[in-house]
Amino acid sequence: QSKIVVTVNPPSWEGDHRLFESLASGALVFVDEESRHLLSLLGLRDREHVVLYSIKDGDHLKELLRHYQENEEAAESIAGRGREKAREEMMPENRIDTIME
């Protein structure tokens, strides 16, 4: 099982199952900053449910990865909150309920 998942989303991203599945797996999910607006619509917050990074700054991404590899308690805490959020609000049945409202 992966402990960390790094996602990169295309411009004008509308969401996909990779994010939801990664969160539900219990991994710490890194999401590129280009997705910040959509994440806020989903109620996902940086360093609470996911970790945001810039695709333009590879060195900073490496620093973040190293930080969370060395600080497992912080990584597990964020990953746990992300998993709870995904399981409570982002499973297919939850998404259907949201669309139908």
PDB file of N, CA and C in Angstrom:
ATOM      1  N   GLN A   1       0.839  -1.178   0.000  1.00  0.00           N
ATOM      2  CA  GLN A   1       0.000   0.000   0.000  1.00  0.00           C
ATOM      3  C   GLN A   1       0.881   1.236   0.000  1.00  0.00           C
ATOM      4  N   SER A   2       0.544   2.179  -0.864  1.00  0.00           N
ATOM      5  CA  SER A   2       1.293   3.439  -0.927  1.00  0.00           C
ATOM      6  C   SER A   2       0.971   4.293   0.281  1.00  0.00           C
ATOM      7  N   LYS A   3       1.994   4.907   0.838  1.00  0.00           N
ATOM      8  CA  LYS A   3       1.780   5.828   1.952  1.00  0.00           C
ATOM      9  C   LYS A   3       1.567   7.250   1.460  1.00  0.00           C
ATOM     10  N   ILE A   4       2.138   7.570   0.282  1.00  0.00           N
ATOM     11  CA  ILE A   4       2.008   8.906  -0.301  1.00  0.00           C
ATOM     12  C   ILE A   4       1.638   8.749  -1.771  1.00  0.00           C
ATOM     13  N   VAL A   5       0.646   9.545  -2.207  1.00  0.00           N
ATOM     14  CA  VAL A   5       0.251   9.584  -3.617  1.00  0.00           C
ATOM     15  C   VAL A   5       0.377  11.023  -4.080  1.00  0.00           C
ATOM     16  N   VAL A   6       1.084  11.226  -5.194  1.00  0.00           N
ATOM     17  CA  VAL A   6       1.236  12.564  -5.776  1.00  0.00           C
ATOM     18  C   VAL A   6       0.400  12.608  -7.040  1.00  0.00           C
ATOM     19  N   THR A   7      -0.559  13.546  -7.090  1.00  0.00           N
ATOM     20  CA  THR A   7      -1.410  13.681  -8.265  1.00  0.00           C
ATOM     21  C   THR A   7      -1.066  14.963  -9.010  1.00  0.00           C
ATOM     22  N   VAL A   8      -1.256  14.925 -10.320  1.00  0.00           N
ATOM     23  CA  VAL A   8      -1.105  16.104 -11.180  1.00  0.00           C
ATOM     24  C   VAL A   8      -2.339  16.129 -12.069  1.00  0.00           C
ATOM     25  N   ASN A   9      -3.018  17.241 -12.064  1.00  0.00           N
ATOM     26  CA  ASN A   9      -4.266  17.321 -12.806  1.00  0.00           C
ATOM     27  C   ASN A   9      -4.151  18.264 -13.988  1.00  0.00           C
ATOM     28  N   PRO A  10      -4.863  17.970 -15.074  1.00  0.00           N
ATOM     29  CA  PRO A  10      -4.819  18.823 -16.257  1.00  0.00           C
ATOM     30  C   PRO A  10      -5.507  20.158 -16.003  1.00  0.00           C
ATOM     31  N   PRO A  11      -5.218  21.166 -16.824  1.00  0.00           N
ATOM     32  CA  PRO A  11      -5.916  22.453 -16.690  1.00  0.00           C
ATOM     33  C   PRO A  11      -7.426  22.240 -16.825  1.00  0.00           C
ATOM     34  N   SER A  12      -8.184  23.096 -16.178  1.00  0.00           N
ATOM     35  CA  SER A  12      -9.646  23.033 -16.207  1.00  0.00           C
ATOM     36  C   SER A  12     -10.155  21.692 -15.687  1.00  0.00           C
ATOM     37  N   TRP A  13      -9.442  21.124 -14.744  1.00  0.00           N
ATOM     38  CA  TRP A  13      -9.794  19.843 -14.154  1.00  0.00           C
ATOM     39  C   TRP A  13     -11.128  19.943 -13.444  1.00  0.00           C
ATOM     40  N   GLU A  14     -11.987  18.989 -13.652  1.00  0.00           N
ATOM     41  CA  GLU A  14     -13.290  18.964 -13.013  1.00  0.00           C
ATOM     42  C   GLU A  14     -13.393  17.861 -11.976  1.00  0.00           C
ATOM     43  N   GLY A  15     -12.292  17.216 -11.695  1.00  0.00           N
ATOM     44  CA  GLY A  15     -12.283  16.149 -10.711  1.00  0.00           C
ATOM     45  C   GLY A  15     -12.303  14.791 -11.365  1.00  0.00           C
ATOM     46  N   ASP A  16     -11.808  13.826 -10.664  1.00  0.00           N
ATOM     47  CA  ASP A  16     -11.847  12.456 -11.158  1.00  0.00           C
ATOM     48  C   ASP A  16     -11.733  11.505  -9.984  1.00  0.00           C
ATOM     49  N   HIS A  17     -11.860  10.250 -10.267  1.00  0.00           N
ATOM     50  CA  HIS A  17     -11.843   9.259  -9.194  1.00  0.00           C
ATOM     51  C   HIS A  17     -10.459   9.032  -8.601  1.00  0.00           C
ATOM     52  N   ARG A  18      -9.397   9.423  -9.303  1.00  0.00           N
ATOM     53  CA  ARG A  18      -8.050   9.226  -8.742  1.00  0.00           C
ATOM     54  C   ARG A  18      -7.917   9.917  -7.397  1.00  0.00           C
ATOM     55  N   LEU A  19      -8.388  11.156  -7.318  1.00  0.00           N
ATOM     56  CA  LEU A  19      -8.302  11.892  -6.059  1.00  0.00           C
ATOM     57  C   LEU A  19      -9.121  11.190  -4.982  1.00  0.00           C
ATOM     58  N   PHE A  20     -10.377  10.878  -5.290  1.00  0.00           N
ATOM     59  CA  PHE A  20     -11.257  10.258  -4.297  1.00  0.00           C
ATOM     60  C   PHE A  20     -10.704   8.909  -3.844  1.00  0.00           C
ATOM     61  N   GLU A  21     -10.250   8.103  -4.796  1.00  0.00           N
ATOM     62  CA  GLU A  21      -9.719   6.782  -4.462  1.00  0.00           C
ATOM     63  C   GLU A  21      -8.428   6.886  -3.662  1.00  0.00           C
ATOM     64  N   SER A  22      -7.584   7.852  -4.016  1.00  0.00           N
ATOM     65  CA  SER A  22      -6.333   8.034  -3.276  1.00  0.00           C
ATOM     66  C   SER A  22      -6.618   8.423  -1.836  1.00  0.00           C
ATOM     67  N   LEU A  23      -7.551   9.354  -1.641  1.00  0.00           N
ATOM     68  CA  LEU A  23      -7.919   9.751  -0.287  1.00  0.00           C
ATOM     69  C   LEU A  23      -8.515   8.575   0.485  1.00  0.00           C
ATOM     70  N   ALA A  24      -9.422   7.852  -0.149  1.00  0.00           N
ATOM     71  CA  ALA A  24     -10.093   6.737   0.524  1.00  0.00           C
ATOM     72  C   ALA A  24      -9.130   5.615   0.894  1.00  0.00           C
ATOM     73  N   SER A  25      -8.004   5.532   0.186  1.00  0.00           N
ATOM     74  CA  SER A  25      -7.028   4.473   0.481  1.00  0.00           C
ATOM     75  C   SER A  25      -6.297   4.704   1.791  1.00  0.00           C
ATOM     76  N   GLY A  26      -6.337   5.934   2.277  1.00  0.00           N
ATOM     77  CA  GLY A  26      -5.622   6.258   3.505  1.00  0.00           C
ATOM     78  C   GLY A  26      -4.222   6.785   3.279  1.00  0.00           C
ATOM     79  N   ALA A  27      -3.841   6.988   2.011  1.00  0.00           N
ATOM     80  CA  ALA A  27      -2.526   7.555   1.706  1.00  0.00           C
ATOM     81  C   ALA A  27      -2.554   9.068   1.915  1.00  0.00           C
ATOM     82  N   LEU A  28      -1.399   9.637   2.156  1.00  0.00           N
ATOM     83  CA  LEU A  28      -1.255  11.089   2.183  1.00  0.00           C
ATOM     84  C   LEU A  28      -1.248  11.540   0.731  1.00  0.00           C
ATOM     85  N   VAL A  29      -2.180  12.426   0.359  1.00  0.00           N
ATOM     86  CA  VAL A  29      -2.349  12.811  -1.041  1.00  0.00           C
ATOM     87  C   VAL A  29      -1.814  14.218  -1.268  1.00  0.00           C
ATOM     88  N   PHE A  30      -0.882  14.304  -2.226  1.00  0.00           N
ATOM     89  CA  PHE A  30      -0.349  15.588  -2.671  1.00  0.00           C
ATOM     90  C   PHE A  30      -1.111  15.984  -3.928  1.00  0.00           C
ATOM     91  N   VAL A  31      -1.620  17.213  -3.961  1.00  0.00           N
ATOM     92  CA  VAL A  31      -2.408  17.710  -5.085  1.00  0.00           C
ATOM     93  C   VAL A  31      -1.791  19.018  -5.563  1.00  0.00           C
ATOM     94  N   ASP A  32      -1.692  19.174  -6.888  1.00  0.00           N
ATOM     95  CA  ASP A  32      -1.085  20.399  -7.410  1.00  0.00           C
ATOM     96  C   ASP A  32      -1.976  21.611  -7.137  1.00  0.00           C
ATOM     97  N   GLU A  33      -1.328  22.762  -6.933  1.00  0.00           N
ATOM     98  CA  GLU A  33      -2.023  23.996  -6.570  1.00  0.00           C
ATOM     99  C   GLU A  33      -3.021  24.457  -7.620  1.00  0.00           C
ATOM    100  N   GLU A  34      -2.878  24.004  -8.847  1.00  0.00           N
ATOM    101  CA  GLU A  34      -3.822  24.381  -9.902  1.00  0.00           C
ATOM    102  C   GLU A  34      -5.233  23.919  -9.543  1.00  0.00           C
ATOM    103  N   SER A  35      -5.353  22.974  -8.651  1.00  0.00           N
ATOM    104  CA  SER A  35      -6.649  22.406  -8.264  1.00  0.00           C
ATOM    105  C   SER A  35      -7.225  23.057  -7.013  1.00  0.00           C
ATOM    106  N   ARG A  36      -6.589  24.108  -6.530  1.00  0.00           N
ATOM    107  CA  ARG A  36      -6.983  24.736  -5.264  1.00  0.00           C
ATOM    108  C   ARG A  36      -8.483  25.097  -5.227  1.00  0.00           C
ATOM    109  N   HIS A  37      -8.988  25.695  -6.303  1.00  0.00           N
ATOM    110  CA  HIS A  37     -10.391  26.130  -6.312  1.00  0.00           C
ATOM    111  C   HIS A  37     -11.334  24.933  -6.181  1.00  0.00           C
ATOM    112  N   LEU A  38     -11.099  23.905  -6.957  1.00  0.00           N
ATOM    113  CA  LEU A  38     -11.962  22.721  -6.887  1.00  0.00           C
ATOM    114  C   LEU A  38     -11.878  22.062  -5.518  1.00  0.00           C
ATOM    115  N   LEU A  39     -10.683  22.015  -4.956  1.00  0.00           N
ATOM    116  CA  LEU A  39     -10.533  21.415  -3.627  1.00  0.00           C
ATOM    117  C   LEU A  39     -11.368  22.167  -2.604  1.00  0.00           C
ATOM    118  N   SER A  40     -11.395  23.498  -2.722  1.00  0.00           N
ATOM    119  CA  SER A  40     -12.190  24.273  -1.772  1.00  0.00           C
ATOM    120  C   SER A  40     -13.680  23.971  -1.951  1.00  0.00           C
ATOM    121  N   LEU A  41     -14.128  23.753  -3.194  1.00  0.00           N
ATOM    122  CA  LEU A  41     -15.528  23.377  -3.430  1.00  0.00           C
ATOM    123  C   LEU A  41     -15.862  22.030  -2.799  1.00  0.00           C
ATOM    124  N   LEU A  42     -14.878  21.142  -2.741  1.00  0.00           N
ATOM    125  CA  LEU A  42     -15.061  19.820  -2.142  1.00  0.00           C
ATOM    126  C   LEU A  42     -14.858  19.835  -0.633  1.00  0.00           C
ATOM    127  N   GLY A  43     -14.436  20.978  -0.092  1.00  0.00           N
ATOM    128  CA  GLY A  43     -14.199  21.070   1.345  1.00  0.00           C
ATOM    129  C   GLY A  43     -12.878  20.475   1.790  1.00  0.00           C
ATOM    130  N   LEU A  44     -11.943  20.317   0.849  1.00  0.00           N
ATOM    131  CA  LEU A  44     -10.615  19.781   1.172  1.00  0.00           C
ATOM    132  C   LEU A  44      -9.657  20.934   1.416  1.00  0.00           C
ATOM    133  N   ARG A  45      -8.966  20.890   2.539  1.00  0.00           N
ATOM    134  CA  ARG A  45      -8.050  21.969   2.892  1.00  0.00           C
ATOM    135  C   ARG A  45      -6.605  21.477   2.972  1.00  0.00           C
ATOM    136  N   ASP A  46      -5.723  22.381   2.538  1.00  0.00           N
ATOM    137  CA  ASP A  46      -4.293  22.105   2.572  1.00  0.00           C
ATOM    138  C   ASP A  46      -3.838  21.852   3.995  1.00  0.00           C
ATOM    139  N   ARG A  47      -3.072  20.798   4.156  1.00  0.00           N
ATOM    140  CA  ARG A  47      -2.484  20.361   5.421  1.00  0.00           C
ATOM    141  C   ARG A  47      -3.509  19.857   6.425  1.00  0.00           C
ATOM    142  N   GLU A  48      -4.782  19.828   6.015  1.00  0.00           N
ATOM    143  CA  GLU A  48      -5.799  19.211   6.849  1.00  0.00           C
ATOM    144  C   GLU A  48      -6.254  17.877   6.240  1.00  0.00           C
ATOM    145  N   HIS A  49      -6.502  17.883   4.916  1.00  0.00           N
ATOM    146  CA  HIS A  49      -6.950  16.674   4.209  1.00  0.00           C
ATOM    147  C   HIS A  49      -5.970  16.247   3.123  1.00  0.00           C
ATOM    148  N   VAL A  50      -5.277  17.209   2.535  1.00  0.00           N
ATOM    149  CA  VAL A  50      -4.329  16.987   1.437  1.00  0.00           C
ATOM    150  C   VAL A  50      -3.135  17.901   1.653  1.00  0.00           C
ATOM    151  N   VAL A  51      -2.108  17.734   0.811  1.00  0.00           N
ATOM    152  CA  VAL A  51      -0.971  18.651   0.814  1.00  0.00           C
ATOM    153  C   VAL A  51      -0.876  19.250  -0.589  1.00  0.00           C
ATOM    154  N   LEU A  52      -0.958  20.572  -0.667  1.00  0.00           N
ATOM    155  CA  LEU A  52      -0.830  21.242  -1.956  1.00  0.00           C
ATOM    156  C   LEU A  52       0.633  21.488  -2.278  1.00  0.00           C
ATOM    157  N   TYR A  53       0.969  21.399  -3.559  1.00  0.00           N
ATOM    158  CA  TYR A  53       2.319  21.693  -4.012  1.00  0.00           C
ATOM    159  C   TYR A  53       2.239  22.379  -5.373  1.00  0.00           C
ATOM    160  N   SER A  54       3.309  23.041  -5.756  1.00  0.00           N
ATOM    161  CA  SER A  54       3.373  23.708  -7.053  1.00  0.00           C
ATOM    162  C   SER A  54       4.110  22.816  -8.052  1.00  0.00           C
ATOM    163  N   ILE A  55       3.487  22.603  -9.222  1.00  0.00           N
ATOM    164  CA  ILE A  55       4.159  21.806 -10.250  1.00  0.00           C
ATOM    165  C   ILE A  55       5.338  22.578 -10.846  1.00  0.00           C
ATOM    166  N   LYS A  56       5.435  23.868 -10.518  1.00  0.00           N
ATOM    167  CA  LYS A  56       6.513  24.712 -11.044  1.00  0.00           C
ATOM    168  C   LYS A  56       7.743  24.708 -10.143  1.00  0.00           C
ATOM    169  N   ASP A  57       7.646  24.065  -8.986  1.00  0.00           N
ATOM    170  CA  ASP A  57       8.749  24.093  -8.021  1.00  0.00           C
ATOM    171  C   ASP A  57       9.053  22.671  -7.530  1.00  0.00           C
ATOM    172  N   GLY A  58       9.805  21.943  -8.342  1.00  0.00           N
ATOM    173  CA  GLY A  58      10.152  20.560  -8.013  1.00  0.00           C
ATOM    174  C   GLY A  58      10.944  20.434  -6.729  1.00  0.00           C
ATOM    175  N   ASP A  59      11.795  21.415  -6.440  1.00  0.00           N
ATOM    176  CA  ASP A  59      12.585  21.349  -5.207  1.00  0.00           C
ATOM    177  C   ASP A  59      11.685  21.417  -3.978  1.00  0.00           C
ATOM    178  N   HIS A  60      10.680  22.278  -4.029  1.00  0.00           N
ATOM    179  CA  HIS A  60       9.767  22.383  -2.896  1.00  0.00           C
ATOM    180  C   HIS A  60       8.964  21.096  -2.723  1.00  0.00           C
ATOM    181  N   LEU A  61       8.549  20.486  -3.842  1.00  0.00           N
ATOM    182  CA  LEU A  61       7.855  19.202  -3.765  1.00  0.00           C
ATOM    183  C   LEU A  61       8.741  18.164  -3.084  1.00  0.00           C
ATOM    184  N   LYS A  62      10.003  18.113  -3.465  1.00  0.00           N
ATOM    185  CA  LYS A  62      10.930  17.160  -2.834  1.00  0.00           C
ATOM    186  C   LYS A  62      11.057  17.424  -1.341  1.00  0.00           C
ATOM    187  N   GLU A  63      11.107  18.707  -0.955  1.00  0.00           N
ATOM    188  CA  GLU A  63      11.194  19.058   0.458  1.00  0.00           C
ATOM    189  C   GLU A  63       9.949  18.591   1.211  1.00  0.00           C
ATOM    190  N   LEU A  64       8.774  18.816   0.602  1.00  0.00           N
ATOM    191  CA  LEU A  64       7.529  18.375   1.237  1.00  0.00           C
ATOM    192  C   LEU A  64       7.497  16.855   1.393  1.00  0.00           C
ATOM    193  N   LEU A  65       7.883  16.146   0.339  1.00  0.00           N
ATOM    194  CA  LEU A  65       7.918  14.685   0.410  1.00  0.00           C
ATOM    195  C   LEU A  65       8.856  14.210   1.514  1.00  0.00           C
ATOM    196  N   ARG A  66      10.031  14.795   1.568  1.00  0.00           N
ATOM    197  CA  ARG A  66      11.007  14.428   2.601  1.00  0.00           C
ATOM    198  C   ARG A  66      10.442  14.729   3.989  1.00  0.00           C
ATOM    199  N   HIS A  67       9.818  15.905   4.130  1.00  0.00           N
ATOM    200  CA  HIS A  67       9.253  16.298   5.423  1.00  0.00           C
ATOM    201  C   HIS A  67       8.250  15.261   5.930  1.00  0.00           C
ATOM    202  N   TYR A  68       7.330  14.860   5.054  1.00  0.00           N
ATOM    203  CA  TYR A  68       6.293  13.920   5.496  1.00  0.00           C
ATOM    204  C   TYR A  68       6.800  12.489   5.611  1.00  0.00           C
ATOM    205  N   GLN A  69       7.867  12.150   4.923  1.00  0.00           N
ATOM    206  CA  GLN A  69       8.474  10.834   5.123  1.00  0.00           C
ATOM    207  C   GLN A  69       9.153  10.775   6.483  1.00  0.00           C
ATOM    208  N   GLU A  70       9.717  11.894   6.901  1.00  0.00           N
ATOM    209  CA  GLU A  70      10.410  11.958   8.186  1.00  0.00           C
ATOM    210  C   GLU A  70       9.459  12.214   9.352  1.00  0.00           C
ATOM    211  N   ASN A  71       8.274  12.737   9.073  1.00  0.00           N
ATOM    212  CA  ASN A  71       7.293  13.072  10.107  1.00  0.00           C
ATOM    213  C   ASN A  71       6.026  12.255   9.885  1.00  0.00           C
ATOM    214  N   GLU A  72       6.154  10.966  10.151  1.00  0.00           N
ATOM    215  CA  GLU A  72       5.060  10.036   9.873  1.00  0.00           C
ATOM    216  C   GLU A  72       3.787  10.370  10.641  1.00  0.00           C
ATOM    217  N   GLU A  73       3.924  10.871  11.851  1.00  0.00           N
ATOM    218  CA  GLU A  73       2.734  11.194  12.634  1.00  0.00           C
ATOM    219  C   GLU A  73       1.912  12.292  11.952  1.00  0.00           C
ATOM    220  N   ALA A  74       2.571  13.330  11.459  1.00  0.00           N
ATOM    221  CA  ALA A  74       1.869  14.409  10.748  1.00  0.00           C
ATOM    222  C   ALA A  74       1.258  13.877   9.459  1.00  0.00           C
ATOM    223  N   ALA A  75       2.003  13.058   8.735  1.00  0.00           N
ATOM    224  CA  ALA A  75       1.508  12.482   7.484  1.00  0.00           C
ATOM    225  C   ALA A  75       0.277  11.613   7.743  1.00  0.00           C
ATOM    226  N   GLU A  76       0.335  10.780   8.755  1.00  0.00           N
ATOM    227  CA  GLU A  76      -0.789   9.898   9.072  1.00  0.00           C
ATOM    228  C   GLU A  76      -2.010  10.681   9.534  1.00  0.00           C
ATOM    229  N   SER A  77      -1.780  11.786  10.225  1.00  0.00           N
ATOM    230  CA  SER A  77      -2.885  12.616  10.693  1.00  0.00           C
ATOM    231  C   SER A  77      -3.636  13.233   9.508  1.00  0.00           C
ATOM    232  N   ILE A  78      -2.895  13.834   8.579  1.00  0.00           N
ATOM    233  CA  ILE A  78      -3.514  14.424   7.389  1.00  0.00           C
ATOM    234  C   ILE A  78      -4.188  13.339   6.559  1.00  0.00           C
ATOM    235  N   ALA A  79      -3.498  12.233   6.356  1.00  0.00           N
ATOM    236  CA  ALA A  79      -4.050  11.127   5.566  1.00  0.00           C
ATOM    237  C   ALA A  79      -5.336  10.596   6.199  1.00  0.00           C
ATOM    238  N   GLY A  80      -5.358  10.494   7.510  1.00  0.00           N
ATOM    239  CA  GLY A  80      -6.555  10.000   8.203  1.00  0.00           C
ATOM    240  C   GLY A  80      -7.745  10.926   8.025  1.00  0.00           C
ATOM    241  N   ARG A  81      -7.500  12.232   8.126  1.00  0.00           N
ATOM    242  CA  ARG A  81      -8.593  13.189   7.923  1.00  0.00           C
ATOM    243  C   ARG A  81      -9.064  13.163   6.467  1.00  0.00           C
ATOM    244  N   GLY A  82      -8.122  13.007   5.529  1.00  0.00           N
ATOM    245  CA  GLY A  82      -8.493  12.897   4.122  1.00  0.00           C
ATOM    246  C   GLY A  82      -9.323  11.649   3.864  1.00  0.00           C
ATOM    247  N   ARG A  83      -8.918  10.535   4.465  1.00  0.00           N
ATOM    248  CA  ARG A  83      -9.662   9.280   4.312  1.00  0.00           C
ATOM    249  C   ARG A  83     -11.082   9.425   4.869  1.00  0.00           C
ATOM    250  N   GLU A  84     -11.213  10.010   6.055  1.00  0.00           N
ATOM    251  CA  GLU A  84     -12.541  10.207   6.644  1.00  0.00           C
ATOM    252  C   GLU A  84     -13.419  11.074   5.751  1.00  0.00           C
ATOM    253  N   LYS A  85     -12.852  12.158   5.250  1.00  0.00           N
ATOM    254  CA  LYS A  85     -13.607  13.072   4.375  1.00  0.00           C
ATOM    255  C   LYS A  85     -14.063  12.336   3.115  1.00  0.00           C
ATOM    256  N   ALA A  86     -13.177  11.567   2.512  1.00  0.00           N
ATOM    257  CA  ALA A  86     -13.514  10.837   1.287  1.00  0.00           C
ATOM    258  C   ALA A  86     -14.600   9.805   1.557  1.00  0.00           C
ATOM    259  N   ARG A  87     -14.477   9.082   2.630  1.00  0.00           N
ATOM    260  CA  ARG A  87     -15.449   8.019   2.921  1.00  0.00           C
ATOM    261  C   ARG A  87     -16.814   8.584   3.329  1.00  0.00           C
ATOM    262  N   GLU A  88     -16.811   9.767   3.934  1.00  0.00           N
ATOM    263  CA  GLU A  88     -18.072  10.379   4.345  1.00  0.00           C
ATOM    264  C   GLU A  88     -18.761  11.136   3.213  1.00  0.00           C
ATOM    265  N   GLU A  89     -17.974  11.705   2.285  1.00  0.00           N
ATOM    266  CA  GLU A  89     -18.567  12.621   1.311  1.00  0.00           C
ATOM    267  C   GLU A  89     -18.253  12.329  -0.149  1.00  0.00           C
ATOM    268  N   MET A  90     -17.310  11.447  -0.443  1.00  0.00           N
ATOM    269  CA  MET A  90     -16.861  11.310  -1.826  1.00  0.00           C
ATOM    270  C   MET A  90     -17.028   9.925  -2.425  1.00  0.00           C
ATOM    271  N   MET A  91     -17.733   9.074  -1.740  1.00  0.00           N
ATOM    272  CA  MET A  91     -18.023   7.765  -2.297  1.00  0.00           C
ATOM    273  C   MET A  91     -19.116   7.957  -3.354  1.00  0.00           C
ATOM    274  N   PRO A  92     -19.235   7.030  -4.297  1.00  0.00           N
ATOM    275  CA  PRO A  92     -20.225   7.216  -5.380  1.00  0.00           C
ATOM    276  C   PRO A  92     -21.631   7.558  -4.871  1.00  0.00           C
ATOM    277  N   GLU A  93     -22.075   6.879  -3.835  1.00  0.00           N
ATOM    278  CA  GLU A  93     -23.422   7.162  -3.338  1.00  0.00           C
ATOM    279  C   GLU A  93     -23.548   8.578  -2.789  1.00  0.00           C
ATOM    280  N   ASN A  94     -22.471   9.086  -2.170  1.00  0.00           N
ATOM    281  CA  ASN A  94     -22.485  10.455  -1.661  1.00  0.00           C
ATOM    282  C   ASN A  94     -22.483  11.469  -2.804  1.00  0.00           C
ATOM    283  N   ARG A  95     -21.697  11.190  -3.830  1.00  0.00           N
ATOM    284  CA  ARG A  95     -21.623  12.102  -4.980  1.00  0.00           C
ATOM    285  C   ARG A  95     -22.973  12.153  -5.689  1.00  0.00           C
ATOM    286  N   ILE A  96     -23.653  11.035  -5.818  1.00  0.00           N
ATOM    287  CA  ILE A  96     -24.959  10.996  -6.453  1.00  0.00           C
ATOM    288  C   ILE A  96     -25.961  11.815  -5.643  1.00  0.00           C
ATOM    289  N   ASP A  97     -25.924  11.661  -4.323  1.00  0.00           N
ATOM    290  CA  ASP A  97     -26.814  12.450  -3.468  1.00  0.00           C
ATOM    291  C   ASP A  97     -26.569  13.944  -3.650  1.00  0.00           C
ATOM    292  N   THR A  98     -25.293  14.337  -3.754  1.00  0.00           N
ATOM    293  CA  THR A  98     -24.952  15.749  -3.938  1.00  0.00           C
ATOM    294  C   THR A  98     -25.479  16.254  -5.275  1.00  0.00           C
ATOM    295  N   ILE A  99     -25.319  15.471  -6.307  1.00  0.00           N
ATOM    296  CA  ILE A  99     -25.786  15.878  -7.639  1.00  0.00           C
ATOM    297  C   ILE A  99     -27.305  16.008  -7.661  1.00  0.00           C
ATOM    298  N   MET A 100     -27.989  15.109  -6.976  1.00  0.00           N
ATOM    299  CA  MET A 100     -29.454  15.102  -6.987  1.00  0.00           C
ATOM    300  C   MET A 100     -30.057  16.234  -6.162  1.00  0.00           C
ATOM    301  N   GLU A 101     -29.293  16.823  -5.253  1.00  0.00           N
ATOM    302  CA  GLU A 101     -29.825  17.887  -4.382  1.00  0.00           C
ATOM    303  C   GLU A 101     -30.062  19.166  -5.116  1.00  0.00           C
TER     304      GLU A 101
END
